ModelCIF file with pLDDT and N, C-alpha, C, O atoms, coordinates in Angstrom:
data_MODEL
#
_entry.id   MODEL 
#
_entity.id                         1 
_entity.type                       polymer 
_entity.pdbx_number_of_molecules   1 
#
_entity_poly.entity_id                      1 
_entity_poly.type                           'polypeptide(L)' 
_entity_poly.nstd_linkage                   no 
_entity_poly.nstd_monomer                   no 
_entity_poly.pdbx_seq_one_letter_code       RRIDLAPCSPFNVTPELLRDTRTLARERGVLLHTHLAETLEEQTFCLE 
_entity_poly.pdbx_seq_one_letter_code_can   RRIDLAPCSPFNVTPELLRDTRTLARERGVLLHTHLAETLEEQTFCLE 
_entity_poly.pdbx_strand_id                 A 
#
loop_
_entity_poly_seq.entity_id 
_entity_poly_seq.num 
_entity_poly_seq.mon_id 
_entity_poly_seq.hetero 
1 1  ARG n 
1 2  ARG n 
1 3  ILE n 
1 4  ASP n 
1 5  LEU n 
1 6  ALA n 
1 7  PRO n 
1 8  CYS n 
1 9  SER n 
1 10 PRO n 
1 11 PHE n 
1 12 ASN n 
1 13 VAL n 
1 14 THR n 
1 15 PRO n 
1 16 GLU n 
1 17 LEU n 
1 18 LEU n 
1 19 ARG n 
1 20 ASP n 
1 21 THR n 
1 22 ARG n 
1 23 THR n 
1 24 LEU n 
1 25 ALA n 
1 26 ARG n 
1 27 GLU n 
1 28 ARG n 
1 29 GLY n 
1 30 VAL n 
1 31 LEU n 
1 32 LEU n 
1 33 HIS n 
1 34 THR n 
1 35 HIS n 
1 36 LEU n 
1 37 ALA n 
1 38 GLU n 
1 39 THR n 
1 40 LEU n 
1 41 GLU n 
1 42 GLU n 
1 43 GLN n 
1 44 THR n 
1 45 PHE n 
1 46 CYS n 
1 47 LEU n 
1 48 GLU n 
#
_struct_asym.id          A 
_struct_asym.entity_id   1 
#
loop_
_ma_qa_metric.id 
_ma_qa_metric.mode 
_ma_qa_metric.name 
_ma_qa_metric.software_group_id 
_ma_qa_metric.type 
1 global pLDDT . pLDDT 
2 local  pLDDT . pLDDT 
#
_ma_qa_metric_global.metric_id      1 
_ma_qa_metric_global.metric_value   95.56 
_ma_qa_metric_global.model_id       1 
_ma_qa_metric_global.ordinal_id     1 
#
loop_
_ma_qa_metric_local.label_asym_id 
_ma_qa_metric_local.label_comp_id 
_ma_qa_metric_local.label_seq_id 
_ma_qa_metric_local.metric_id 
_ma_qa_metric_local.metric_value 
_ma_qa_metric_local.model_id 
_ma_qa_metric_local.ordinal_id 
A ARG 1  2 98.00 1 1  
A ARG 2  2 98.00 1 2  
A ILE 3  2 98.00 1 3  
A ASP 4  2 98.00 1 4  
A LEU 5  2 98.00 1 5  
A ALA 6  2 98.00 1 6  
A PRO 7  2 98.00 1 7  
A CYS 8  2 97.00 1 8  
A SER 9  2 94.00 1 9  
A PRO 10 2 86.00 1 10 
A PHE 11 2 84.00 1 11 
A ASN 12 2 91.00 1 12 
A VAL 13 2 95.00 1 13 
A THR 14 2 95.00 1 14 
A PRO 15 2 95.00 1 15 
A GLU 16 2 97.00 1 16 
A LEU 17 2 97.00 1 17 
A LEU 18 2 97.00 1 18 
A ARG 19 2 98.00 1 19 
A ASP 20 2 98.00 1 20 
A THR 21 2 98.00 1 21 
A ARG 22 2 98.00 1 22 
A THR 23 2 98.00 1 23 
A LEU 24 2 98.00 1 24 
A ALA 25 2 98.00 1 25 
A ARG 26 2 98.00 1 26 
A GLU 27 2 98.00 1 27 
A ARG 28 2 98.00 1 28 
A GLY 29 2 98.00 1 29 
A VAL 30 2 98.00 1 30 
A LEU 31 2 98.00 1 31 
A LEU 32 2 98.00 1 32 
A HIS 33 2 98.00 1 33 
A THR 34 2 98.00 1 34 
A HIS 35 2 98.00 1 35 
A LEU 36 2 97.00 1 36 
A ALA 37 2 97.00 1 37 
A GLU 38 2 96.00 1 38 
A THR 39 2 95.00 1 39 
A LEU 40 2 93.00 1 40 
A GLU 41 2 91.00 1 41 
A GLU 42 2 92.00 1 42 
A GLN 43 2 92.00 1 43 
A THR 44 2 91.00 1 44 
A PHE 45 2 88.00 1 45 
A CYS 46 2 91.00 1 46 
A LEU 47 2 93.00 1 47 
A GLU 48 2 91.00 1 48 
#
loop_
_atom_site.group_PDB 
_atom_site.id 
_atom_site.type_symbol 
_atom_site.label_atom_id 
_atom_site.label_alt_id 
_atom_site.label_comp_id 
_atom_site.label_asym_id 
_atom_site.label_entity_id 
_atom_site.label_seq_id 
_atom_site.pdbx_PDB_ins_code 
_atom_site.Cartn_x 
_atom_site.Cartn_y 
_atom_site.Cartn_z 
_atom_site.occupancy 
_atom_site.B_iso_or_equiv 
_atom_site.pdbx_formal_charge 
_atom_site.auth_seq_id 
_atom_site.auth_comp_id 
_atom_site.auth_asym_id 
_atom_site.auth_atom_id 
_atom_site.pdbx_PDB_model_num 
ATOM 1   N N  . ARG A 1 1  ? 30.014 -1.871 -24.786 1.00 98.00 ? 1  ARG A N  1 
ATOM 2   C CA . ARG A 1 1  ? 30.077 -0.973 -23.632 1.00 98.00 ? 1  ARG A CA 1 
ATOM 3   C C  . ARG A 1 1  ? 30.582 -1.748 -22.414 1.00 98.00 ? 1  ARG A C  1 
ATOM 4   O O  . ARG A 1 1  ? 29.997 -2.749 -22.000 1.00 98.00 ? 1  ARG A O  1 
ATOM 5   N N  . ARG A 1 2  ? 31.683 -1.251 -21.859 1.00 98.00 ? 2  ARG A N  1 
ATOM 6   C CA . ARG A 1 2  ? 32.179 -1.794 -20.600 1.00 98.00 ? 2  ARG A CA 1 
ATOM 7   C C  . ARG A 1 2  ? 32.419 -0.647 -19.628 1.00 98.00 ? 2  ARG A C  1 
ATOM 8   O O  . ARG A 1 2  ? 32.629 0.496  -20.034 1.00 98.00 ? 2  ARG A O  1 
ATOM 9   N N  . ILE A 1 3  ? 32.385 -0.967 -18.352 1.00 98.00 ? 3  ILE A N  1 
ATOM 10  C CA . ILE A 1 3  ? 32.639 0.016  -17.307 1.00 98.00 ? 3  ILE A CA 1 
ATOM 11  C C  . ILE A 1 3  ? 33.935 -0.360 -16.584 1.00 98.00 ? 3  ILE A C  1 
ATOM 12  O O  . ILE A 1 3  ? 34.087 -1.493 -16.127 1.00 98.00 ? 3  ILE A O  1 
ATOM 13  N N  . ASP A 1 4  ? 34.855 0.579  -16.482 1.00 98.00 ? 4  ASP A N  1 
ATOM 14  C CA . ASP A 1 4  ? 36.052 0.437  -15.671 1.00 98.00 ? 4  ASP A CA 1 
ATOM 15  C C  . ASP A 1 4  ? 35.936 1.404  -14.486 1.00 98.00 ? 4  ASP A C  1 
ATOM 16  O O  . ASP A 1 4  ? 35.193 2.383  -14.565 1.00 98.00 ? 4  ASP A O  1 
ATOM 17  N N  . LEU A 1 5  ? 36.646 1.147  -13.413 1.00 98.00 ? 5  LEU A N  1 
ATOM 18  C CA . LEU A 1 5  ? 36.621 2.021  -12.244 1.00 98.00 ? 5  LEU A CA 1 
ATOM 19  C C  . LEU A 1 5  ? 37.938 2.770  -12.162 1.00 98.00 ? 5  LEU A C  1 
ATOM 20  O O  . LEU A 1 5  ? 39.006 2.169  -12.281 1.00 98.00 ? 5  LEU A O  1 
ATOM 21  N N  . ALA A 1 6  ? 37.868 4.105  -11.957 1.00 98.00 ? 6  ALA A N  1 
ATOM 22  C CA . ALA A 1 6  ? 39.047 4.921  -12.234 1.00 98.00 ? 6  ALA A CA 1 
ATOM 23  C C  . ALA A 1 6  ? 39.174 6.147  -11.349 1.00 98.00 ? 6  ALA A C  1 
ATOM 24  O O  . ALA A 1 6  ? 38.857 7.250  -11.794 1.00 98.00 ? 6  ALA A O  1 
ATOM 25  N N  . PRO A 1 7  ? 39.630 5.993  -10.105 1.00 98.00 ? 7  PRO A N  1 
ATOM 26  C CA . PRO A 1 7  ? 39.997 7.180  -9.323  1.00 98.00 ? 7  PRO A CA 1 
ATOM 27  C C  . PRO A 1 7  ? 40.940 8.058  -10.137 1.00 98.00 ? 7  PRO A C  1 
ATOM 28  O O  . PRO A 1 7  ? 41.788 7.547  -10.868 1.00 98.00 ? 7  PRO A O  1 
ATOM 29  N N  . CYS A 1 8  ? 40.799 9.364  -10.016 1.00 97.00 ? 8  CYS A N  1 
ATOM 30  C CA . CYS A 1 8  ? 41.509 10.264 -10.921 1.00 97.00 ? 8  CYS A CA 1 
ATOM 31  C C  . CYS A 1 8  ? 43.017 10.118 -10.808 1.00 97.00 ? 8  CYS A C  1 
ATOM 32  O O  . CYS A 1 8  ? 43.698 9.912  -11.813 1.00 97.00 ? 8  CYS A O  1 
ATOM 33  N N  . SER A 1 9  ? 43.546 10.222 -9.591  1.00 94.00 ? 9  SER A N  1 
ATOM 34  C CA . SER A 1 9  ? 44.990 10.140 -9.389  1.00 94.00 ? 9  SER A CA 1 
ATOM 35  C C  . SER A 1 9  ? 45.248 10.024 -7.890  1.00 94.00 ? 9  SER A C  1 
ATOM 36  O O  . SER A 1 9  ? 44.351 10.309 -7.097  1.00 94.00 ? 9  SER A O  1 
ATOM 37  N N  . PRO A 1 10 ? 46.447 9.614  -7.481  1.00 86.00 ? 10 PRO A N  1 
ATOM 38  C CA . PRO A 1 10 ? 46.717 9.455  -6.045  1.00 86.00 ? 10 PRO A CA 1 
ATOM 39  C C  . PRO A 1 10 ? 46.552 10.737 -5.233  1.00 86.00 ? 10 PRO A C  1 
ATOM 40  O O  . PRO A 1 10 ? 46.284 10.681 -4.033  1.00 86.00 ? 10 PRO A O  1 
ATOM 41  N N  . PHE A 1 11 ? 46.710 11.897 -5.884  1.00 84.00 ? 11 PHE A N  1 
ATOM 42  C CA . PHE A 1 11 ? 46.626 13.142 -5.119  1.00 84.00 ? 11 PHE A CA 1 
ATOM 43  C C  . PHE A 1 11 ? 45.225 13.752 -5.132  1.00 84.00 ? 11 PHE A C  1 
ATOM 44  O O  . PHE A 1 11 ? 45.042 14.864 -4.638  1.00 84.00 ? 11 PHE A O  1 
ATOM 45  N N  . ASN A 1 12 ? 44.241 13.056 -5.682  1.00 91.00 ? 12 ASN A N  1 
ATOM 46  C CA . ASN A 1 12 ? 42.870 13.578 -5.726  1.00 91.00 ? 12 ASN A CA 1 
ATOM 47  C C  . ASN A 1 12 ? 41.854 12.685 -5.030  1.00 91.00 ? 12 ASN A C  1 
ATOM 48  O O  . ASN A 1 12 ? 40.664 12.997 -5.011  1.00 91.00 ? 12 ASN A O  1 
ATOM 49  N N  . VAL A 1 13 ? 42.314 11.573 -4.457  1.00 95.00 ? 13 VAL A N  1 
ATOM 50  C CA . VAL A 1 13 ? 41.394 10.667 -3.762  1.00 95.00 ? 13 VAL A CA 1 
ATOM 51  C C  . VAL A 1 13 ? 42.032 10.205 -2.457  1.00 95.00 ? 13 VAL A C  1 
ATOM 52  O O  . VAL A 1 13 ? 43.248 10.285 -2.279  1.00 95.00 ? 13 VAL A O  1 
ATOM 53  N N  . THR A 1 14 ? 41.197 9.727  -1.556  1.00 95.00 ? 14 THR A N  1 
ATOM 54  C CA . THR A 1 14 ? 41.700 9.221  -0.288  1.00 95.00 ? 14 THR A CA 1 
ATOM 55  C C  . THR A 1 14 ? 42.246 7.803  -0.472  1.00 95.00 ? 14 THR A C  1 
ATOM 56  O O  . THR A 1 14 ? 41.834 7.102  -1.397  1.00 95.00 ? 14 THR A O  1 
ATOM 57  N N  . PRO A 1 15 ? 43.159 7.375  0.390   1.00 95.00 ? 15 PRO A N  1 
ATOM 58  C CA . PRO A 1 15 ? 43.626 5.980  0.308   1.00 95.00 ? 15 PRO A CA 1 
ATOM 59  C C  . PRO A 1 15 ? 42.500 4.991  0.546   1.00 95.00 ? 15 PRO A C  1 
ATOM 60  O O  . PRO A 1 15 ? 42.507 3.893  -0.011  1.00 95.00 ? 15 PRO A O  1 
ATOM 61  N N  . GLU A 1 16 ? 41.531 5.373  1.370   1.00 97.00 ? 16 GLU A N  1 
ATOM 62  C CA . GLU A 1 16 ? 40.384 4.490  1.608   1.00 97.00 ? 16 GLU A CA 1 
ATOM 63  C C  . GLU A 1 16 ? 39.596 4.262  0.324   1.00 97.00 ? 16 GLU A C  1 
ATOM 64  O O  . GLU A 1 16 ? 39.149 3.147  0.054   1.00 97.00 ? 16 GLU A O  1 
ATOM 65  N N  . LEU A 1 17 ? 39.427 5.332  -0.476  1.00 97.00 ? 17 LEU A N  1 
ATOM 66  C CA . LEU A 1 17 ? 38.694 5.171  -1.736  1.00 97.00 ? 17 LEU A CA 1 
ATOM 67  C C  . LEU A 1 17 ? 39.471 4.296  -2.711  1.00 97.00 ? 17 LEU A C  1 
ATOM 68  O O  . LEU A 1 17 ? 38.879 3.474  -3.411  1.00 97.00 ? 17 LEU A O  1 
ATOM 69  N N  . LEU A 1 18 ? 40.779 4.462  -2.764  1.00 97.00 ? 18 LEU A N  1 
ATOM 70  C CA . LEU A 1 18 ? 41.584 3.592  -3.631  1.00 97.00 ? 18 LEU A CA 1 
ATOM 71  C C  . LEU A 1 18 ? 41.401 2.127  -3.235  1.00 97.00 ? 18 LEU A C  1 
ATOM 72  O O  . LEU A 1 18 ? 41.209 1.269  -4.097  1.00 97.00 ? 18 LEU A O  1 
ATOM 73  N N  . ARG A 1 19 ? 41.459 1.841  -1.942  1.00 98.00 ? 19 ARG A N  1 
ATOM 74  C CA . ARG A 1 19 ? 41.301 0.450  -1.488  1.00 98.00 ? 19 ARG A CA 1 
ATOM 75  C C  . ARG A 1 19 ? 39.904 -0.077 -1.776  1.00 98.00 ? 19 ARG A C  1 
ATOM 76  O O  . ARG A 1 19 ? 39.748 -1.197 -2.264  1.00 98.00 ? 19 ARG A O  1 
ATOM 77  N N  . ASP A 1 20 ? 38.881 0.731  -1.473  1.00 98.00 ? 20 ASP A N  1 
ATOM 78  C CA . ASP A 1 20 ? 37.502 0.262  -1.670  1.00 98.00 ? 20 ASP A CA 1 
ATOM 79  C C  . ASP A 1 20 ? 37.181 0.103  -3.156  1.00 98.00 ? 20 ASP A C  1 
ATOM 80  O O  . ASP A 1 20 ? 36.456 -0.817 -3.535  1.00 98.00 ? 20 ASP A O  1 
ATOM 81  N N  . THR A 1 21 ? 37.712 0.986  -3.997  1.00 98.00 ? 21 THR A N  1 
ATOM 82  C CA . THR A 1 21 ? 37.490 0.864  -5.440  1.00 98.00 ? 21 THR A CA 1 
ATOM 83  C C  . THR A 1 21 ? 38.164 -0.392 -5.977  1.00 98.00 ? 21 THR A C  1 
ATOM 84  O O  . THR A 1 21 ? 37.594 -1.112 -6.797  1.00 98.00 ? 21 THR A O  1 
ATOM 85  N N  . ARG A 1 22 ? 39.378 -0.647 -5.509  1.00 98.00 ? 22 ARG A N  1 
ATOM 86  C CA . ARG A 1 22 ? 40.091 -1.874 -5.902  1.00 98.00 ? 22 ARG A CA 1 
ATOM 87  C C  . ARG A 1 22 ? 39.279 -3.107 -5.526  1.00 98.00 ? 22 ARG A C  1 
ATOM 88  O O  . ARG A 1 22 ? 39.135 -4.030 -6.328  1.00 98.00 ? 22 ARG A O  1 
ATOM 89  N N  . THR A 1 23 ? 38.751 -3.121 -4.307  1.00 98.00 ? 23 THR A N  1 
ATOM 90  C CA . THR A 1 23 ? 37.975 -4.272 -3.850  1.00 98.00 ? 23 THR A CA 1 
ATOM 91  C C  . THR A 1 23 ? 36.732 -4.472 -4.695  1.00 98.00 ? 23 THR A C  1 
ATOM 92  O O  . THR A 1 23 ? 36.425 -5.592 -5.103  1.00 98.00 ? 23 THR A O  1 
ATOM 93  N N  . LEU A 1 24 ? 36.016 -3.388 -4.958  1.00 98.00 ? 24 LEU A N  1 
ATOM 94  C CA . LEU A 1 24 ? 34.802 -3.472 -5.771  1.00 98.00 ? 24 LEU A CA 1 
ATOM 95  C C  . LEU A 1 24 ? 35.119 -3.958 -7.176  1.00 98.00 ? 24 LEU A C  1 
ATOM 96  O O  . LEU A 1 24 ? 34.427 -4.827 -7.706  1.00 98.00 ? 24 LEU A O  1 
ATOM 97  N N  . ALA A 1 25 ? 36.160 -3.403 -7.778  1.00 98.00 ? 25 ALA A N  1 
ATOM 98  C CA . ALA A 1 25 ? 36.512 -3.794 -9.144  1.00 98.00 ? 25 ALA A CA 1 
ATOM 99  C C  . ALA A 1 25 ? 36.833 -5.282 -9.221  1.00 98.00 ? 25 ALA A C  1 
ATOM 100 O O  . ALA A 1 25 ? 36.424 -5.958 -10.165 1.00 98.00 ? 25 ALA A O  1 
ATOM 101 N N  . ARG A 1 26 ? 37.556 -5.790 -8.240  1.00 98.00 ? 26 ARG A N  1 
ATOM 102 C CA . ARG A 1 26 ? 37.950 -7.200 -8.297  1.00 98.00 ? 26 ARG A CA 1 
ATOM 103 C C  . ARG A 1 26 ? 36.787 -8.123 -7.945  1.00 98.00 ? 26 ARG A C  1 
ATOM 104 O O  . ARG A 1 26 ? 36.734 -9.262 -8.410  1.00 98.00 ? 26 ARG A O  1 
ATOM 105 N N  . GLU A 1 27 ? 35.872 -7.645 -7.139  1.00 98.00 ? 27 GLU A N  1 
ATOM 106 C CA . GLU A 1 27 ? 34.653 -8.422 -6.894  1.00 98.00 ? 27 GLU A CA 1 
ATOM 107 C C  . GLU A 1 27 ? 33.811 -8.534 -8.153  1.00 98.00 ? 27 GLU A C  1 
ATOM 108 O O  . GLU A 1 27 ? 33.184 -9.564 -8.400  1.00 98.00 ? 27 GLU A O  1 
ATOM 109 N N  . ARG A 1 28 ? 33.798 -7.458 -8.959  1.00 98.00 ? 28 ARG A N  1 
ATOM 110 C CA . ARG A 1 28 ? 32.947 -7.424 -10.156 1.00 98.00 ? 28 ARG A CA 1 
ATOM 111 C C  . ARG A 1 28 ? 33.686 -7.818 -11.434 1.00 98.00 ? 28 ARG A C  1 
ATOM 112 O O  . ARG A 1 28 ? 33.070 -7.921 -12.494 1.00 98.00 ? 28 ARG A O  1 
ATOM 113 N N  . GLY A 1 29 ? 35.004 -8.039 -11.345 1.00 98.00 ? 29 GLY A N  1 
ATOM 114 C CA . GLY A 1 29 ? 35.761 -8.473 -12.509 1.00 98.00 ? 29 GLY A CA 1 
ATOM 115 C C  . GLY A 1 29 ? 35.929 -7.405 -13.564 1.00 98.00 ? 29 GLY A C  1 
ATOM 116 O O  . GLY A 1 29 ? 35.896 -7.704 -14.758 1.00 98.00 ? 29 GLY A O  1 
ATOM 117 N N  . VAL A 1 30 ? 36.112 -6.137 -13.138 1.00 98.00 ? 30 VAL A N  1 
ATOM 118 C CA . VAL A 1 30 ? 36.287 -5.044 -14.096 1.00 98.00 ? 30 VAL A CA 1 
ATOM 119 C C  . VAL A 1 30 ? 37.680 -4.437 -13.941 1.00 98.00 ? 30 VAL A C  1 
ATOM 120 O O  . VAL A 1 30 ? 38.370 -4.681 -12.951 1.00 98.00 ? 30 VAL A O  1 
ATOM 121 N N  . LEU A 1 31 ? 38.079 -3.650 -14.923 1.00 98.00 ? 31 LEU A N  1 
ATOM 122 C CA . LEU A 1 31 ? 39.409 -3.066 -14.922 1.00 98.00 ? 31 LEU A CA 1 
ATOM 123 C C  . LEU A 1 31 ? 39.498 -1.843 -14.017 1.00 98.00 ? 31 LEU A C  1 
ATOM 124 O O  . LEU A 1 31 ? 38.504 -1.168 -13.749 1.00 98.00 ? 31 LEU A O  1 
ATOM 125 N N  . LEU A 1 32 ? 40.721 -1.578 -13.552 1.00 98.00 ? 32 LEU A N  1 
ATOM 126 C CA . LEU A 1 32 ? 41.049 -0.378 -12.794 1.00 98.00 ? 32 LEU A CA 1 
ATOM 127 C C  . LEU A 1 32 ? 41.936 0.530  -13.636 1.00 98.00 ? 32 LEU A C  1 
ATOM 128 O O  . LEU A 1 32 ? 42.768 0.060  -14.411 1.00 98.00 ? 32 LEU A O  1 
ATOM 129 N N  . HIS A 1 33 ? 41.745 1.839  -13.473 1.00 98.00 ? 33 HIS A N  1 
ATOM 130 C CA . HIS A 1 33 ? 42.496 2.799  -14.279 1.00 98.00 ? 33 HIS A CA 1 
ATOM 131 C C  . HIS A 1 33 ? 42.753 4.055  -13.457 1.00 98.00 ? 33 HIS A C  1 
ATOM 132 O O  . HIS A 1 33 ? 41.906 4.456  -12.659 1.00 98.00 ? 33 HIS A O  1 
ATOM 133 N N  . THR A 1 34 ? 43.909 4.679  -13.643 1.00 98.00 ? 34 THR A N  1 
ATOM 134 C CA . THR A 1 34 ? 44.195 5.965  -13.021 1.00 98.00 ? 34 THR A CA 1 
ATOM 135 C C  . THR A 1 34 ? 45.382 6.612  -13.730 1.00 98.00 ? 34 THR A C  1 
ATOM 136 O O  . THR A 1 34 ? 46.098 5.961  -14.491 1.00 98.00 ? 34 THR A O  1 
ATOM 137 N N  . HIS A 1 35 ? 45.581 7.925  -13.462 1.00 98.00 ? 35 HIS A N  1 
ATOM 138 C CA . HIS A 1 35 ? 46.798 8.614  -13.889 1.00 98.00 ? 35 HIS A CA 1 
ATOM 139 C C  . HIS A 1 35 ? 47.934 8.271  -12.928 1.00 98.00 ? 35 HIS A C  1 
ATOM 140 O O  . HIS A 1 35 ? 47.715 8.059  -11.736 1.00 98.00 ? 35 HIS A O  1 
ATOM 141 N N  . LEU A 1 36 ? 49.156 8.219  -13.474 1.00 97.00 ? 36 LEU A N  1 
ATOM 142 C CA . LEU A 1 36 ? 50.272 7.958  -12.571 1.00 97.00 ? 36 LEU A CA 1 
ATOM 143 C C  . LEU A 1 36 ? 51.597 8.437  -13.166 1.00 97.00 ? 36 LEU A C  1 
ATOM 144 O O  . LEU A 1 36 ? 51.854 8.307  -14.363 1.00 97.00 ? 36 LEU A O  1 
ATOM 145 N N  . ALA A 1 37 ? 52.427 8.995  -12.279 1.00 97.00 ? 37 ALA A N  1 
ATOM 146 C CA . ALA A 1 37 ? 53.819 9.357  -12.604 1.00 97.00 ? 37 ALA A CA 1 
ATOM 147 C C  . ALA A 1 37 ? 53.890 10.231 -13.858 1.00 97.00 ? 37 ALA A C  1 
ATOM 148 O O  . ALA A 1 37 ? 54.741 10.034 -14.726 1.00 97.00 ? 37 ALA A O  1 
ATOM 149 N N  . GLU A 1 38 ? 52.977 11.200 -13.930 1.00 96.00 ? 38 GLU A N  1 
ATOM 150 C CA . GLU A 1 38 ? 52.911 12.050 -15.123 1.00 96.00 ? 38 GLU A CA 1 
ATOM 151 C C  . GLU A 1 38 ? 53.952 13.154 -15.092 1.00 96.00 ? 38 GLU A C  1 
ATOM 152 O O  . GLU A 1 38 ? 54.518 13.500 -16.129 1.00 96.00 ? 38 GLU A O  1 
ATOM 153 N N  . THR A 1 39 ? 54.215 13.718 -13.903 1.00 95.00 ? 39 THR A N  1 
ATOM 154 C CA . THR A 1 39 ? 55.127 14.858 -13.807 1.00 95.00 ? 39 THR A CA 1 
ATOM 155 C C  . THR A 1 39 ? 56.045 14.720 -12.598 1.00 95.00 ? 39 THR A C  1 
ATOM 156 O O  . THR A 1 39 ? 55.782 13.940 -11.683 1.00 95.00 ? 39 THR A O  1 
ATOM 157 N N  . LEU A 1 40 ? 57.115 15.485 -12.616 1.00 93.00 ? 40 LEU A N  1 
ATOM 158 C CA . LEU A 1 40 ? 57.989 15.563 -11.446 1.00 93.00 ? 40 LEU A CA 1 
ATOM 159 C C  . LEU A 1 40 ? 57.275 16.210 -10.268 1.00 93.00 ? 40 LEU A C  1 
ATOM 160 O O  . LEU A 1 40 ? 57.530 15.857 -9.117  1.00 93.00 ? 40 LEU A O  1 
ATOM 161 N N  . GLU A 1 41 ? 56.374 17.160 -10.551 1.00 91.00 ? 41 GLU A N  1 
ATOM 162 C CA . GLU A 1 41 ? 55.613 17.802 -9.486  1.00 91.00 ? 41 GLU A CA 1 
ATOM 163 C C  . GLU A 1 41 ? 54.749 16.780 -8.748  1.00 91.00 ? 41 GLU A C  1 
ATOM 164 O O  . GLU A 1 41 ? 54.611 16.846 -7.527  1.00 91.00 ? 41 GLU A O  1 
ATOM 165 N N  . GLU A 1 42 ? 54.168 15.835 -9.495  1.00 92.00 ? 42 GLU A N  1 
ATOM 166 C CA . GLU A 1 42 ? 53.385 14.769 -8.861  1.00 92.00 ? 42 GLU A CA 1 
ATOM 167 C C  . GLU A 1 42 ? 54.283 13.919 -7.963  1.00 92.00 ? 42 GLU A C  1 
ATOM 168 O O  . GLU A 1 42 ? 53.891 13.539 -6.860  1.00 92.00 ? 42 GLU A O  1 
ATOM 169 N N  . GLN A 1 43 ? 55.479 13.628 -8.443  1.00 92.00 ? 43 GLN A N  1 
ATOM 170 C CA . GLN A 1 43 ? 56.410 12.828 -7.650  1.00 92.00 ? 43 GLN A CA 1 
ATOM 171 C C  . GLN A 1 43 ? 56.752 13.534 -6.335  1.00 92.00 ? 43 GLN A C  1 
ATOM 172 O O  . GLN A 1 43 ? 56.767 12.921 -5.267  1.00 92.00 ? 43 GLN A O  1 
ATOM 173 N N  . THR A 1 44 ? 57.026 14.837 -6.439  1.00 91.00 ? 44 THR A N  1 
ATOM 174 C CA . THR A 1 44 ? 57.333 15.620 -5.229  1.00 91.00 ? 44 THR A CA 1 
ATOM 175 C C  . THR A 1 44 ? 56.139 15.660 -4.285  1.00 91.00 ? 44 THR A C  1 
ATOM 176 O O  . THR A 1 44 ? 56.295 15.496 -3.075  1.00 91.00 ? 44 THR A O  1 
ATOM 177 N N  . PHE A 1 45 ? 54.943 15.878 -4.837  1.00 88.00 ? 45 PHE A N  1 
ATOM 178 C CA . PHE A 1 45 ? 53.717 15.918 -4.040  1.00 88.00 ? 45 PHE A CA 1 
ATOM 179 C C  . PHE A 1 45 ? 53.539 14.614 -3.270  1.00 88.00 ? 45 PHE A C  1 
ATOM 180 O O  . PHE A 1 45 ? 53.249 14.627 -2.074  1.00 88.00 ? 45 PHE A O  1 
ATOM 181 N N  . CYS A 1 46 ? 53.716 13.483 -3.964  1.00 91.00 ? 46 CYS A N  1 
ATOM 182 C CA . CYS A 1 46 ? 53.516 12.187 -3.320  1.00 91.00 ? 46 CYS A CA 1 
ATOM 183 C C  . CYS A 1 46 ? 54.577 11.932 -2.241  1.00 91.00 ? 46 CYS A C  1 
ATOM 184 O O  . CYS A 1 46 ? 54.270 11.391 -1.179  1.00 91.00 ? 46 CYS A O  1 
ATOM 185 N N  . LEU A 1 47 ? 55.812 12.321 -2.516  1.00 93.00 ? 47 LEU A N  1 
ATOM 186 C CA . LEU A 1 47 ? 56.859 12.144 -1.515  1.00 93.00 ? 47 LEU A CA 1 
ATOM 187 C C  . LEU A 1 47 ? 56.556 12.959 -0.250  1.00 93.00 ? 47 LEU A C  1 
ATOM 188 O O  . LEU A 1 47 ? 56.769 12.488 0.867   1.00 93.00 ? 47 LEU A O  1 
ATOM 189 N N  . GLU A 1 48 ? 56.055 14.193 -0.443  1.00 91.00 ? 48 GLU A N  1 
ATOM 190 C CA . GLU A 1 48 ? 55.772 15.050 0.700   1.00 91.00 ? 48 GLU A CA 1 
ATOM 191 C C  . GLU A 1 48 ? 54.511 14.636 1.444   1.00 91.00 ? 48 GLU A C  1 
ATOM 192 O O  . GLU A 1 48 ? 54.143 15.267 2.435   1.00 91.00 ? 48 GLU A O  1 
#
């Protein structure tokens, strides 16, 4: 059993949560995981 930290996707979390989760994961030595670049709609959403 291992625990990874995994904000759902860039369009479902705040940038502050992404940064704080990254910091926590690296302090604790665990992996980071998220969805990314799955659809063109996501790409458009992120650009806008």
